[in-house]
Amino acid sequence: MRAKFGPRFFFMLTESLVEAFRTRLEALGFDLADLRIGGTPNRPLVQVRIDCPPRNVTVEDCSRVSRALEQWLDADGGGPLGNRYVLEVSSPGIERPVRWHRHWAQFVGRDVNVKLAGMGRVRARIVAVPAADTVVLEPQGKPALEYRLADLKDARLAPMTED
């Protein structure tokens, strides 16, 4: 019996695939803010969010990155995702995803909206990033605690508010 999703398609991101995207974006002068792969086995949807601090991402930036990634993804008859994919390149947006250790370190002092085990979705301040796999968060109205990055789900920068 054939595997449901076939040998060339996968929904999960491997570290090597993330690193391949990150390397290509850095060569173009951009940071990888987020990478998601979904869609169907026959037509994967690749969503890439780019950043280029300190300036904002433009439509021209997205177009340039899209063309460069398409060349790579189409190389050698299909690249890592086959030859029938949908590519979306965009800015990270106002509620920017906070996915990897470097993001947590970059945004120390900022608030995030994040799903925490046993607490659901909360707003919390990033207090510190003591190790590559942990972050200290202070949920509103609660004491600061250390969390494993692997246990945090769907973290996004919270919009800044006027105090």
Protein backbone atom coordinates (compact mmCIF):
# COMPACT_ATOMS: atom_id res chain seq x y z
CA MET A 1 0.00 0.00 0.00
CA ARG A 2 1.35 3.44 -0.96
CA ALA A 3 1.91 6.06 1.73
CA LYS A 4 -0.92 8.58 1.86
CA PHE A 5 1.29 11.61 1.22
CA GLY A 6 3.89 10.06 -1.07
CA PRO A 7 7.65 10.15 -0.67
CA ARG A 8 8.28 13.72 -1.89
CA PHE A 9 5.72 15.58 0.22
CA PHE A 10 5.76 16.37 3.89
CA PHE A 11 3.73 18.71 6.07
CA MET A 12 6.37 19.07 8.75
CA LEU A 13 9.28 21.41 8.40
CA THR A 14 12.68 19.87 8.86
CA GLU A 15 15.55 21.91 10.25
CA SER A 16 17.43 21.42 6.98
CA LEU A 17 14.53 22.82 4.93
CA VAL A 18 14.17 25.83 7.23
CA GLU A 19 17.92 26.39 7.03
CA ALA A 20 17.84 26.13 3.22
CA PHE A 21 15.17 28.85 3.05
CA ARG A 22 16.99 30.97 5.65
CA THR A 23 20.29 30.75 3.76
CA ARG A 24 18.72 31.77 0.46
CA LEU A 25 16.92 34.71 2.06
CA GLU A 26 20.03 35.92 3.88
CA ALA A 27 21.91 35.90 0.56
CA LEU A 28 19.23 38.28 -0.74
CA GLY A 29 19.49 40.53 2.34
CA PHE A 30 16.35 39.31 4.14
CA ASP A 31 15.54 37.46 7.35
CA LEU A 32 13.19 34.50 7.48
CA ALA A 33 10.37 35.57 9.81
CA ASP A 34 8.15 32.53 9.28
CA LEU A 35 7.86 29.46 7.07
CA ARG A 36 4.79 27.26 6.83
CA ILE A 37 3.99 24.42 4.48
CA GLY A 38 0.45 23.16 4.05
CA GLY A 39 -1.91 22.60 1.16
CA THR A 40 -2.40 19.16 -0.30
CA PRO A 41 0.00 16.37 -1.21
CA ASN A 42 -0.44 17.20 -4.90
CA ARG A 43 -0.14 20.97 -4.46
CA PRO A 44 1.80 22.10 -1.39
CA LEU A 45 1.27 25.67 -0.20
CA VAL A 46 4.55 27.32 0.85
CA GLN A 47 4.06 30.49 2.92
CA VAL A 48 7.22 32.52 3.47
CA ARG A 49 7.29 35.67 5.60
CA ILE A 50 10.33 37.87 5.20
CA ASP A 51 11.75 40.74 7.19
CA CYS A 52 14.53 43.26 6.58
CA PRO A 53 15.01 45.41 9.69
CA PRO A 54 15.19 48.28 10.21
CA ARG A 55 13.01 49.07 7.20
CA ASN A 56 9.62 47.63 6.24
CA VAL A 57 9.19 44.97 3.56
CA THR A 58 7.85 46.32 0.25
CA VAL A 59 5.82 44.70 -2.51
CA GLU A 60 8.95 44.84 -4.69
CA ASP A 61 10.89 42.96 -1.98
CA CYS A 62 8.26 40.21 -1.94
CA SER A 63 8.32 39.97 -5.73
CA ARG A 64 12.13 39.76 -5.87
CA VAL A 65 12.25 37.09 -3.15
CA SER A 66 9.43 35.14 -4.81
CA ARG A 67 11.30 35.01 -8.13
CA ALA A 68 14.53 33.90 -6.44
CA LEU A 69 12.81 31.19 -4.40
CA GLU A 70 10.91 29.95 -7.47
CA GLN A 71 14.22 29.51 -9.33
CA TRP A 72 15.56 27.42 -6.46
CA LEU A 73 12.35 25.42 -5.95
CA ASP A 74 12.08 24.71 -9.69
CA ALA A 75 15.73 23.65 -10.06
CA ASP A 76 16.55 20.09 -11.05
CA GLY A 77 13.00 19.24 -12.08
CA GLY A 78 11.19 20.14 -8.91
CA GLY A 79 13.46 20.96 -6.01
CA PRO A 80 12.58 19.96 -2.45
CA LEU A 81 8.79 20.31 -2.82
CA GLY A 82 8.16 18.88 -6.27
CA ASN A 83 7.09 20.98 -9.25
CA ARG A 84 3.44 21.69 -8.36
CA TYR A 85 3.55 24.05 -5.40
CA VAL A 86 1.98 27.42 -4.57
CA LEU A 87 4.42 30.00 -3.19
CA GLU A 88 3.28 33.00 -1.12
CA VAL A 89 5.85 35.58 0.02
CA SER A 90 4.80 38.39 2.36
CA SER A 91 5.93 40.65 5.19
CA PRO A 92 5.56 39.37 8.75
CA GLY A 93 2.79 41.87 9.44
CA ILE A 94 1.99 43.79 12.62
CA GLU A 95 1.40 40.66 14.70
CA ARG A 96 4.70 39.13 13.61
CA PRO A 97 5.25 35.42 14.36
CA VAL A 98 7.86 34.67 17.02
CA ARG A 99 9.05 31.18 16.14
CA TRP A 100 12.74 30.62 16.64
CA HIS A 101 15.25 31.34 19.40
CA ARG A 102 16.70 34.32 17.54
CA HIS A 103 13.23 35.93 17.41
CA TRP A 104 12.72 35.55 21.16
CA ALA A 105 16.15 37.10 21.81
CA GLN A 106 15.46 39.94 19.33
CA PHE A 107 12.20 40.92 21.05
CA VAL A 108 13.15 40.79 24.75
CA GLY A 109 11.07 43.44 26.52
CA ARG A 110 8.16 43.20 24.07
CA ASP A 111 4.79 41.57 24.67
CA VAL A 112 3.62 38.49 22.80
CA ASN A 113 0.30 36.72 22.48
CA VAL A 114 1.08 33.04 22.95
CA LYS A 115 -0.60 29.74 23.82
CA LEU A 116 0.79 28.40 27.10
CA ALA A 117 0.03 24.91 28.39
CA GLY A 118 -2.67 25.04 31.03
CA MET A 119 -3.34 28.75 30.47
CA GLY A 120 -4.53 28.97 26.87
CA ARG A 121 -3.79 32.13 24.89
CA VAL A 122 -2.25 34.87 27.02
CA ARG A 123 -0.42 38.14 26.64
CA ALA A 124 3.03 37.97 28.22
CA ARG A 125 6.20 40.05 28.34
CA ILE A 126 9.44 38.46 27.09
CA VAL A 127 11.71 38.95 30.11
CA ALA A 128 14.82 37.00 29.10
CA VAL A 129 16.14 34.22 26.90
CA PRO A 130 18.53 32.34 29.21
CA ALA A 131 19.28 29.42 26.86
CA ALA A 132 18.76 28.33 23.26
CA ASP A 133 15.68 26.30 24.21
CA THR A 134 14.04 28.42 26.94
CA VAL A 135 12.47 31.84 27.45
CA VAL A 136 11.32 33.68 30.58
CA LEU A 137 7.80 35.06 30.13
CA GLU A 138 5.72 37.18 32.47
CA PRO A 139 2.02 36.63 31.69
CA GLN A 140 -0.17 39.62 32.62
CA GLY A 141 -1.05 39.44 36.30
CA LYS A 142 1.22 36.44 36.96
CA PRO A 143 4.86 36.00 38.00
CA ALA A 144 7.60 35.47 35.42
CA LEU A 145 8.38 31.81 34.69
CA GLU A 146 10.79 29.97 32.43
CA TYR A 147 9.21 28.03 29.53
CA ARG A 148 10.63 25.64 27.00
CA LEU A 149 10.34 27.10 23.49
CA ALA A 150 9.03 23.74 22.27
CA ASP A 151 6.03 24.13 24.62
CA LEU A 152 5.00 27.55 23.28
CA LYS A 153 2.46 27.59 20.46
CA ASP A 154 1.50 30.24 17.92
CA ALA A 155 3.44 33.11 19.47
CA ARG A 156 3.00 36.52 17.86
CA LEU A 157 4.18 39.99 18.80
CA ALA A 158 1.38 41.85 20.51
CA PRO A 159 0.49 45.24 19.06
CA MET A 160 2.15 48.01 21.06
CA THR A 161 -0.31 49.98 23.16
CA GLU A 162 -0.16 53.50 24.55
CA ASP A 163 0.19 53.26 28.32
